[in-house]
Amino acid sequence: MLRLQIGPADLSFLSSSSRVYWLDMSTNLMDGGWQAVQTNVAGSGSLIALPLPTNSDAAAFRVGTRYGN
């Protein structure tokens, strides 16, 4: 679920307490370059809201996950 609001925007998703998440951003999908926005976000078993950067007019975002330690 993506929730946008006037002013700062968040990317929200349901998390699992056994997972760790990260958020990447790209302003040009053609070049394949992604930059980390947030890393090592521990899942809580509930909704997580990660703030999106506001330094770009247009961007694509992806969330990655792995099993936590």
Protein backbone atom coordinates (compact mmCIF):
# COMPACT_ATOMS: atom_id res chain seq x y z
CA MET A 1 0.00 0.00 0.00
CA LEU A 2 1.40 3.39 -0.97
CA ARG A 3 0.02 6.34 0.95
CA LEU A 4 0.77 9.82 -0.37
CA GLN A 5 -0.24 12.97 1.45
CA ILE A 6 0.22 16.70 1.01
CA GLY A 7 3.67 17.61 2.25
CA PRO A 8 6.08 14.84 3.17
CA ALA A 9 5.18 11.42 1.74
CA ASP A 10 5.56 7.96 3.29
CA LEU A 11 5.74 4.50 1.78
CA SER A 12 3.75 2.19 4.07
CA PHE A 13 3.62 -1.60 4.12
CA LEU A 14 2.78 -4.46 6.46
CA SER A 15 5.91 -6.02 7.93
CA SER A 16 6.85 -9.34 9.44
CA SER A 17 8.70 -9.45 12.76
CA SER A 18 11.09 -12.07 11.33
CA ARG A 19 12.20 -9.86 8.41
CA VAL A 20 14.49 -6.87 7.80
CA TYR A 21 13.60 -4.32 5.10
CA TRP A 22 15.30 -1.66 3.01
CA LEU A 23 14.10 1.08 0.68
CA ASP A 24 15.86 2.02 -2.58
CA MET A 25 15.21 4.91 -4.96
CA SER A 26 15.91 5.55 -8.65
CA THR A 27 15.35 8.72 -10.65
CA ASN A 28 16.25 6.98 -13.93
CA LEU A 29 15.06 3.40 -14.42
CA MET A 30 16.79 3.20 -17.80
CA ASP A 31 20.29 3.30 -16.27
CA GLY A 32 19.49 0.63 -13.66
CA GLY A 33 21.02 2.64 -10.83
CA TRP A 34 19.41 2.41 -7.39
CA GLN A 35 20.49 4.25 -4.27
CA ALA A 36 19.69 3.22 -0.72
CA VAL A 37 17.24 5.47 1.11
CA GLN A 38 16.89 3.39 4.29
CA THR A 39 18.56 0.13 5.29
CA ASN A 40 18.22 -2.42 8.09
CA VAL A 41 14.64 -1.54 9.05
CA ALA A 42 13.51 -4.24 11.48
CA GLY A 43 10.03 -5.64 10.86
CA SER A 44 7.56 -5.21 13.69
CA GLY A 45 4.66 -7.40 12.60
CA SER A 46 2.60 -4.29 11.88
CA LEU A 47 2.52 -1.33 9.50
CA ILE A 48 5.82 0.43 8.83
CA ALA A 49 5.90 3.90 7.26
CA LEU A 50 9.17 5.00 5.69
CA PRO A 51 9.49 8.67 4.75
CA LEU A 52 10.25 9.27 1.07
CA PRO A 53 12.92 11.78 0.07
CA THR A 54 11.62 15.08 -1.25
CA ASN A 55 14.70 16.06 -3.26
CA SER A 56 13.43 14.81 -6.64
CA ASP A 57 10.47 15.69 -8.87
CA ALA A 58 9.99 12.06 -9.97
CA ALA A 59 11.37 8.80 -8.64
CA ALA A 60 10.71 5.07 -8.45
CA PHE A 61 11.00 3.19 -5.18
CA ARG A 62 11.47 -0.47 -4.27
CA VAL A 63 11.35 -2.29 -0.97
CA GLY A 64 13.62 -5.25 -0.35
CA THR A 65 13.52 -7.81 2.42
CA ARG A 66 15.51 -10.64 3.96
CA TYR A 67 15.19 -12.83 7.02
CA GLY A 68 16.39 -11.00 10.12
CA ASN A 69 19.01 -12.18 12.57
